[in-house]
Structure formats: C-alpha cells, structure tokens
C-alpha cells in the first residue's frame, strides 16, 4: 500500500453562501476553481485553491445546524493555514473588521500563530512558517 500523500481538501458548510464566498475569496484570497449550483440539493459547492494545491470546498445547505466551537467539541478542532508573516495577516484581518486573537508562540516549535473565525464561527489558524517552507505543524 502506498502512503497518504497530503490533505487534498477540507470541506466547510456555511450558513450564508455569499458572505462566506466573499470571506474565503476576498479576505483570505483563495482562488475559485469551480462553482456549481446543485439543483437536487438546493446547494452551492465552491471549490477553492491554495497555492500549494490544497483545496477548500465551501458548501451551502439551508438547514444545517450550527457547529459547536465553544466549548470545544470532539472532532475537527480547527483549520490551519501556513503563512510567512502572521503579524501582517493579523493586521489585514483586523482591517477587514475580523476579530483576531493575540499572536502566540508555539512552545514546541517556536513558531508564531494566531486564531480567528470564519463568518460562521469556524476556528481558523494562521501558522507562521519560514519563507521557503509550506508545511504547518499544528
């Protein structure tokens, strides 16, 4: 058996498709690969690309219940994106009116990171990596 190669995509269900599409494309800068309306499910599916080939799939479902984030629930904890400058990203997000936690330092790696949330409260992390690296470690 061959080993797992990498994470291909993360799928996110949103409550307001237009608001989340704007957030992920305009605020975070992800590139649209495909956008499809699925008539049978009355749902949008937006495929977004990261520079390293990873993807985020954004779905809309009219009656999806909210995800419990606080207190933290079992299951996927958060989605982390690698960046080269956490401070610059933190300032960018705050300029967009997005609440950002204080920048912290990973006690094991010495790398800086910061948390914020998408429009539905999904915890997102920006993890600082050296300019030549693209692999986050949280």
N, C-alpha and C. Protein backbone atom coordinates (compact mmCIF):
# COMPACT_ATOMS: atom_id res chain seq x y z
N UNK A 1 0.84 -1.18 0.00
CA UNK A 1 0.00 0.00 0.00
C UNK A 1 0.89 1.24 0.00
N UNK A 2 0.53 2.23 -0.81
CA UNK A 2 1.29 3.48 -0.83
C UNK A 2 0.84 4.37 0.33
N UNK A 3 1.70 5.26 0.82
CA UNK A 3 1.35 6.12 1.95
C UNK A 3 0.40 7.25 1.54
N UNK A 4 -0.27 7.81 2.53
CA UNK A 4 -1.04 9.03 2.29
C UNK A 4 -0.08 10.11 1.83
N UNK A 5 -0.47 10.92 0.87
CA UNK A 5 0.43 11.91 0.31
C UNK A 5 0.31 13.28 0.96
N UNK A 6 -0.91 13.77 1.15
CA UNK A 6 -1.17 15.09 1.73
C UNK A 6 -2.66 15.23 1.91
N UNK A 7 -3.08 16.27 2.57
CA UNK A 7 -4.51 16.56 2.64
C UNK A 7 -4.91 17.18 1.31
N UNK A 8 -5.93 16.65 0.70
CA UNK A 8 -6.40 17.17 -0.59
C UNK A 8 -7.32 18.37 -0.40
N UNK A 9 -8.29 18.25 0.51
CA UNK A 9 -9.20 19.37 0.73
C UNK A 9 -9.85 19.28 2.11
N UNK A 10 -10.36 20.41 2.54
CA UNK A 10 -11.20 20.49 3.73
C UNK A 10 -12.55 21.00 3.25
N UNK A 11 -13.63 20.40 3.74
CA UNK A 11 -14.98 20.81 3.34
C UNK A 11 -15.62 21.59 4.47
N UNK A 12 -16.23 22.72 4.11
CA UNK A 12 -16.85 23.61 5.09
C UNK A 12 -18.28 23.87 4.66
N UNK A 13 -19.22 23.75 5.60
CA UNK A 13 -20.62 24.08 5.34
C UNK A 13 -20.88 25.44 5.95
N UNK A 14 -21.45 26.34 5.16
CA UNK A 14 -21.69 27.71 5.63
C UNK A 14 -23.18 27.99 5.74
N UNK A 15 -23.51 29.02 6.49
CA UNK A 15 -24.92 29.40 6.65
C UNK A 15 -25.35 30.45 5.63
N UNK A 16 -24.42 31.27 5.18
CA UNK A 16 -24.71 32.34 4.23
C UNK A 16 -23.65 32.25 3.12
N UNK A 17 -24.04 31.66 2.00
CA UNK A 17 -23.09 31.36 0.93
C UNK A 17 -22.38 32.61 0.41
N UNK A 18 -23.10 33.68 0.13
CA UNK A 18 -22.48 34.89 -0.42
C UNK A 18 -21.47 35.48 0.56
N UNK A 19 -21.83 35.53 1.83
CA UNK A 19 -20.94 36.09 2.86
C UNK A 19 -19.67 35.24 2.99
N UNK A 20 -19.82 33.91 3.01
CA UNK A 20 -18.67 33.03 3.16
C UNK A 20 -17.82 33.02 1.89
N UNK A 21 -18.45 33.07 0.73
CA UNK A 21 -17.68 33.13 -0.53
C UNK A 21 -16.81 34.38 -0.52
N UNK A 22 -17.35 35.52 -0.13
CA UNK A 22 -16.59 36.76 -0.06
C UNK A 22 -15.43 36.61 0.92
N UNK A 23 -15.68 36.05 2.10
CA UNK A 23 -14.66 35.89 3.11
C UNK A 23 -13.49 35.04 2.60
N UNK A 24 -13.79 33.88 2.05
CA UNK A 24 -12.73 32.97 1.63
C UNK A 24 -12.00 33.44 0.36
N UNK A 25 -12.69 34.17 -0.52
CA UNK A 25 -12.03 34.63 -1.75
C UNK A 25 -11.41 36.01 -1.59
N UNK A 26 -12.15 36.96 -1.04
CA UNK A 26 -11.65 38.34 -0.97
C UNK A 26 -10.79 38.60 0.26
N UNK A 27 -11.17 38.07 1.41
CA UNK A 27 -10.40 38.32 2.63
C UNK A 27 -9.19 37.39 2.71
N UNK A 28 -9.42 36.08 2.52
CA UNK A 28 -8.30 35.13 2.61
C UNK A 28 -7.57 34.95 1.29
N UNK A 29 -8.18 35.34 0.18
CA UNK A 29 -7.50 35.30 -1.12
C UNK A 29 -7.43 33.95 -1.79
N UNK A 30 -8.31 33.01 -1.43
CA UNK A 30 -8.31 31.72 -2.11
C UNK A 30 -8.88 31.89 -3.52
N UNK A 31 -8.36 31.12 -4.45
CA UNK A 31 -8.76 31.21 -5.85
C UNK A 31 -9.89 30.24 -6.17
N UNK A 32 -10.87 30.71 -6.92
CA UNK A 32 -12.01 29.87 -7.31
C UNK A 32 -11.57 28.92 -8.42
N UNK A 33 -11.78 27.63 -8.17
CA UNK A 33 -11.53 26.61 -9.19
C UNK A 33 -12.81 26.27 -9.94
N UNK A 34 -13.90 26.15 -9.19
CA UNK A 34 -15.20 25.81 -9.78
C UNK A 34 -16.30 26.24 -8.82
N UNK A 35 -17.43 26.61 -9.40
CA UNK A 35 -18.60 26.97 -8.61
C UNK A 35 -19.81 26.33 -9.27
N UNK A 36 -20.52 25.51 -8.51
CA UNK A 36 -21.64 24.77 -9.06
C UNK A 36 -22.85 24.84 -8.14
N UNK A 37 -24.00 25.09 -8.76
CA UNK A 37 -25.26 25.02 -8.02
C UNK A 37 -25.82 23.62 -8.24
N UNK A 38 -26.11 22.94 -7.14
CA UNK A 38 -26.61 21.57 -7.22
C UNK A 38 -28.13 21.61 -6.98
N UNK A 39 -28.87 21.62 -8.06
CA UNK A 39 -30.33 21.77 -8.04
C UNK A 39 -31.01 20.76 -7.11
N UNK A 40 -30.65 19.50 -7.20
CA UNK A 40 -31.31 18.46 -6.41
C UNK A 40 -31.16 18.68 -4.91
N UNK A 41 -30.09 19.34 -4.50
CA UNK A 41 -29.84 19.58 -3.08
C UNK A 41 -30.08 21.03 -2.68
N UNK A 42 -30.44 21.88 -3.67
CA UNK A 42 -30.62 23.31 -3.43
C UNK A 42 -29.40 23.84 -2.68
N UNK A 43 -28.22 23.56 -3.24
CA UNK A 43 -26.97 23.83 -2.54
C UNK A 43 -25.89 24.28 -3.52
N UNK A 44 -25.07 25.21 -3.07
CA UNK A 44 -23.90 25.63 -3.82
C UNK A 44 -22.69 24.84 -3.36
N UNK A 45 -21.76 24.59 -4.28
CA UNK A 45 -20.46 23.99 -3.97
C UNK A 45 -19.41 24.83 -4.67
N UNK A 46 -18.52 25.39 -3.87
CA UNK A 46 -17.45 26.25 -4.37
C UNK A 46 -16.12 25.59 -4.06
N UNK A 47 -15.34 25.30 -5.10
CA UNK A 47 -14.01 24.71 -4.93
C UNK A 47 -12.99 25.84 -4.98
N UNK A 48 -12.19 25.93 -3.91
CA UNK A 48 -11.21 27.00 -3.76
C UNK A 48 -9.81 26.40 -3.67
N UNK A 49 -8.82 27.08 -4.25
CA UNK A 49 -7.46 26.57 -4.29
C UNK A 49 -6.51 27.37 -3.42
N UNK A 50 -5.62 26.65 -2.76
CA UNK A 50 -4.49 27.23 -2.05
C UNK A 50 -3.28 27.14 -2.99
N UNK A 51 -2.27 27.99 -2.80
CA UNK A 51 -1.12 27.97 -3.70
C UNK A 51 -0.39 26.62 -3.77
N UNK A 52 -0.45 25.81 -2.71
CA UNK A 52 0.27 24.53 -2.71
C UNK A 52 -0.51 23.40 -3.34
N UNK A 53 -1.71 23.68 -3.85
CA UNK A 53 -2.53 22.64 -4.46
C UNK A 53 -3.63 22.13 -3.54
N UNK A 54 -3.55 22.42 -2.26
CA UNK A 54 -4.64 22.06 -1.35
C UNK A 54 -5.90 22.83 -1.71
N UNK A 55 -7.03 22.31 -1.27
CA UNK A 55 -8.30 22.95 -1.61
C UNK A 55 -9.21 23.06 -0.40
N UNK A 56 -10.12 24.03 -0.48
CA UNK A 56 -11.22 24.17 0.46
C UNK A 56 -12.49 24.07 -0.37
N UNK A 57 -13.40 23.20 0.06
CA UNK A 57 -14.71 23.10 -0.58
C UNK A 57 -15.71 23.81 0.33
N UNK A 58 -16.43 24.77 -0.23
CA UNK A 58 -17.43 25.52 0.53
C UNK A 58 -18.81 25.10 0.05
N UNK A 59 -19.62 24.62 0.99
CA UNK A 59 -20.97 24.15 0.68
C UNK A 59 -22.01 25.03 1.37
N UNK A 60 -23.18 25.14 0.76
CA UNK A 60 -24.31 25.78 1.42
C UNK A 60 -25.43 24.75 1.54
N UNK A 61 -25.96 24.61 2.73
CA UNK A 61 -27.13 23.76 2.98
C UNK A 61 -28.07 24.59 3.85
N UNK A 62 -29.29 24.77 3.40
CA UNK A 62 -30.22 25.67 4.09
C UNK A 62 -30.52 25.33 5.54
N UNK A 63 -30.57 24.08 5.90
CA UNK A 63 -30.98 23.73 7.26
C UNK A 63 -29.86 23.09 8.09
N UNK A 64 -28.62 23.34 7.74
CA UNK A 64 -27.51 22.76 8.51
C UNK A 64 -27.45 23.42 9.89
N UNK A 65 -27.34 22.61 10.93
CA UNK A 65 -27.25 23.18 12.28
C UNK A 65 -25.89 23.84 12.50
N UNK A 66 -25.82 24.79 13.43
CA UNK A 66 -24.51 25.41 13.71
C UNK A 66 -23.54 24.41 14.32
N UNK A 67 -22.27 24.60 14.07
CA UNK A 67 -21.22 23.73 14.60
C UNK A 67 -20.83 24.23 15.99
N UNK A 68 -20.78 23.33 16.97
CA UNK A 68 -20.31 23.77 18.29
C UNK A 68 -18.80 24.00 18.27
N UNK A 69 -18.38 25.21 18.64
CA UNK A 69 -16.96 25.52 18.68
C UNK A 69 -16.50 25.87 20.09
N UNK A 70 -17.38 26.48 20.85
CA UNK A 70 -17.03 26.90 22.21
C UNK A 70 -18.14 26.49 23.15
N UNK A 71 -17.91 25.62 24.13
CA UNK A 71 -16.60 25.00 24.37
C UNK A 71 -16.26 24.05 23.23
N UNK A 72 -14.96 23.75 23.10
CA UNK A 72 -14.52 22.89 22.02
C UNK A 72 -15.20 21.53 22.10
N UNK A 73 -15.61 21.05 20.93
CA UNK A 73 -16.29 19.76 20.83
C UNK A 73 -15.35 18.73 20.22
N UNK A 74 -15.71 17.48 20.32
CA UNK A 74 -14.91 16.43 19.70
C UNK A 74 -14.97 16.56 18.18
N UNK A 75 -13.98 16.03 17.53
CA UNK A 75 -13.94 16.11 16.07
C UNK A 75 -12.89 17.12 15.62
N UNK A 76 -13.00 17.55 14.39
CA UNK A 76 -12.04 18.50 13.84
C UNK A 76 -11.99 19.75 14.70
N UNK A 77 -10.82 20.12 15.14
CA UNK A 77 -10.67 21.25 16.06
C UNK A 77 -10.64 22.58 15.32
N UNK A 78 -9.79 22.69 14.31
CA UNK A 78 -9.69 23.92 13.53
C UNK A 78 -8.97 23.62 12.22
N UNK A 79 -9.00 24.59 11.33
CA UNK A 79 -8.30 24.51 10.06
C UNK A 79 -7.16 25.52 10.12
N UNK A 80 -5.94 25.09 9.83
CA UNK A 80 -4.77 25.98 9.91
C UNK A 80 -4.18 26.20 8.52
N UNK A 81 -3.86 27.46 8.25
CA UNK A 81 -3.20 27.84 7.00
C UNK A 81 -1.79 28.30 7.31
N UNK A 82 -0.82 27.88 6.51
CA UNK A 82 0.56 28.33 6.66
C UNK A 82 0.71 29.70 6.00
N UNK A 83 1.38 30.61 6.70
CA UNK A 83 1.67 31.95 6.17
C UNK A 83 3.12 32.29 6.51
N UNK A 84 3.68 33.26 5.80
CA UNK A 84 5.06 33.67 6.08
C UNK A 84 5.14 34.81 7.08
N UNK A 85 4.03 35.54 7.31
CA UNK A 85 4.06 36.68 8.23
C UNK A 85 2.73 36.79 8.98
N UNK A 86 2.70 36.23 10.17
CA UNK A 86 1.48 36.23 10.98
C UNK A 86 1.06 37.66 11.33
N UNK A 87 2.02 38.51 11.63
CA UNK A 87 1.69 39.90 12.00
C UNK A 87 0.98 40.63 10.87
N UNK A 88 1.49 40.49 9.65
CA UNK A 88 0.86 41.15 8.50
C UNK A 88 -0.54 40.62 8.27
N UNK A 89 -0.71 39.30 8.38
CA UNK A 89 -2.04 38.72 8.20
C UNK A 89 -2.99 39.16 9.29
N UNK A 90 -2.51 39.22 10.52
CA UNK A 90 -3.35 39.67 11.63
C UNK A 90 -3.84 41.09 11.38
N UNK A 91 -2.95 41.96 10.94
CA UNK A 91 -3.32 43.34 10.64
C UNK A 91 -4.32 43.39 9.48
N UNK A 92 -4.11 42.57 8.46
CA UNK A 92 -5.02 42.52 7.31
C UNK A 92 -6.43 42.12 7.76
N UNK A 93 -6.52 41.08 8.56
CA UNK A 93 -7.82 40.61 9.04
C UNK A 93 -8.51 41.67 9.89
N UNK A 94 -7.76 42.29 10.78
CA UNK A 94 -8.34 43.32 11.63
C UNK A 94 -8.83 44.51 10.81
N UNK A 95 -8.12 44.86 9.75
CA UNK A 95 -8.54 45.95 8.86
C UNK A 95 -9.84 45.61 8.14
N UNK A 96 -10.14 44.32 8.02
CA UNK A 96 -11.39 43.85 7.41
C UNK A 96 -12.51 43.73 8.45
N UNK A 97 -12.22 44.11 9.70
CA UNK A 97 -13.22 44.03 10.76
C UNK A 97 -13.35 42.66 11.39
N UNK A 98 -12.36 41.82 11.21
CA UNK A 98 -12.40 40.46 11.74
C UNK A 98 -11.65 40.42 13.07
N UNK A 99 -12.31 39.88 14.09
CA UNK A 99 -11.68 39.74 15.40
C UNK A 99 -10.57 38.69 15.33
N UNK A 100 -9.42 39.05 15.84
CA UNK A 100 -8.26 38.18 15.82
C UNK A 100 -7.72 38.08 17.25
N UNK A 101 -7.41 36.86 17.67
CA UNK A 101 -6.81 36.68 19.00
C UNK A 101 -5.39 37.21 19.00
N UNK A 102 -4.79 37.33 20.16
CA UNK A 102 -3.40 37.76 20.27
C UNK A 102 -2.49 36.72 19.61
N UNK A 103 -1.43 37.18 18.99
CA UNK A 103 -0.45 36.28 18.39
C UNK A 103 0.28 35.56 19.52
N UNK A 104 0.41 34.26 19.36
CA UNK A 104 1.10 33.44 20.36
C UNK A 104 2.28 32.72 19.70
N UNK A 105 3.09 32.10 20.53
CA UNK A 105 4.24 31.32 20.04
C UNK A 105 4.07 29.87 20.46
N UNK A 106 4.21 28.97 19.50
CA UNK A 106 4.11 27.54 19.76
C UNK A 106 5.27 27.14 20.67
N UNK A 107 4.96 26.63 21.84
CA UNK A 107 6.00 26.31 22.82
C UNK A 107 6.93 25.18 22.37
N UNK A 108 6.51 24.39 21.41
CA UNK A 108 7.33 23.27 20.95
C UNK A 108 8.18 23.61 19.72
N UNK A 109 7.66 24.45 18.83
CA UNK A 109 8.38 24.76 17.59
C UNK A 109 8.98 26.17 17.58
N UNK A 110 8.48 27.03 18.45
CA UNK A 110 8.94 28.41 18.45
C UNK A 110 8.30 29.26 17.36
N UNK A 111 7.38 28.68 16.59
CA UNK A 111 6.71 29.42 15.51
C UNK A 111 5.51 30.20 16.06
N UNK A 112 5.23 31.33 15.43
CA UNK A 112 4.10 32.16 15.85
C UNK A 112 2.82 31.73 15.15
N UNK A 113 1.68 31.93 15.83
CA UNK A 113 0.38 31.59 15.26
C UNK A 113 -0.69 32.48 15.85
N UNK A 114 -1.82 32.52 15.16
CA UNK A 114 -2.94 33.33 15.62
C UNK A 114 -4.24 32.66 15.19
N UNK A 115 -5.27 32.84 16.01
CA UNK A 115 -6.59 32.29 15.71
C UNK A 115 -7.58 33.40 15.40
N UNK A 116 -8.54 33.08 14.55
CA UNK A 116 -9.68 33.93 14.22
C UNK A 116 -10.79 32.99 13.78
N UNK A 117 -11.90 33.51 13.32
CA UNK A 117 -13.02 32.65 12.92
C UNK A 117 -13.58 33.10 11.59
N UNK A 118 -14.17 32.15 10.87
CA UNK A 118 -14.85 32.49 9.62
C UNK A 118 -16.22 33.06 9.97
N UNK A 119 -17.03 33.46 8.99
CA UNK A 119 -18.33 34.09 9.29
C UNK A 119 -19.28 33.22 10.12
N UNK A 120 -19.09 31.89 10.12
CA UNK A 120 -19.95 31.02 10.91
C UNK A 120 -19.31 30.59 12.22
N UNK A 121 -18.19 31.20 12.58
CA UNK A 121 -17.54 30.87 13.84
C UNK A 121 -16.61 29.69 13.79
N UNK A 122 -16.32 29.15 12.59
CA UNK A 122 -15.38 28.04 12.47
C UNK A 122 -13.99 28.55 12.83
N UNK A 123 -13.33 27.94 13.82
CA UNK A 123 -11.99 28.40 14.19
C UNK A 123 -10.98 28.16 13.07
N UNK A 124 -10.25 29.21 12.74
CA UNK A 124 -9.19 29.15 11.74
C UNK A 124 -7.90 29.63 12.38
N UNK A 125 -6.79 29.08 11.93
CA UNK A 125 -5.49 29.44 12.46
C UNK A 125 -4.56 29.83 11.33
N UNK A 126 -3.72 30.82 11.58
CA UNK A 126 -2.64 31.15 10.67
C UNK A 126 -1.36 30.79 11.40
N UNK A 127 -0.54 29.94 10.79
CA UNK A 127 0.67 29.41 11.41
C UNK A 127 1.86 29.88 10.60
N UNK A 128 2.76 30.60 11.24
CA UNK A 128 3.90 31.18 10.54
C UNK A 128 4.97 30.13 10.26
N UNK A 129 5.37 30.05 9.00
CA UNK A 129 6.43 29.14 8.59
C UNK A 129 7.50 29.95 7.87
N UNK A 130 8.74 29.48 7.89
CA UNK A 130 9.78 30.19 7.16
C UNK A 130 9.41 30.31 5.68
N UNK A 131 9.89 31.34 5.02
CA UNK A 131 9.53 31.63 3.64
C UNK A 131 9.72 30.47 2.68
N UNK A 132 10.71 29.63 2.89
CA UNK A 132 10.95 28.51 1.98
C UNK A 132 10.09 27.30 2.28
N UNK A 133 9.36 27.31 3.39
CA UNK A 133 8.56 26.15 3.81
C UNK A 133 7.09 26.38 3.53
N UNK A 134 6.35 25.29 3.32
CA UNK A 134 4.90 25.38 3.13
C UNK A 134 4.14 24.43 4.03
N UNK A 135 4.79 23.82 5.00
CA UNK A 135 4.14 22.80 5.84
C UNK A 135 3.90 23.30 7.25
N UNK A 136 2.61 23.54 7.63
CA UNK A 136 2.32 23.91 9.02
C UNK A 136 2.51 22.69 9.92
N UNK A 137 2.73 22.92 11.20
CA UNK A 137 2.96 21.78 12.08
C UNK A 137 1.94 21.67 13.20
N UNK A 138 0.81 22.40 13.19
CA UNK A 138 -0.22 22.20 14.20
C UNK A 138 -1.38 21.47 13.63
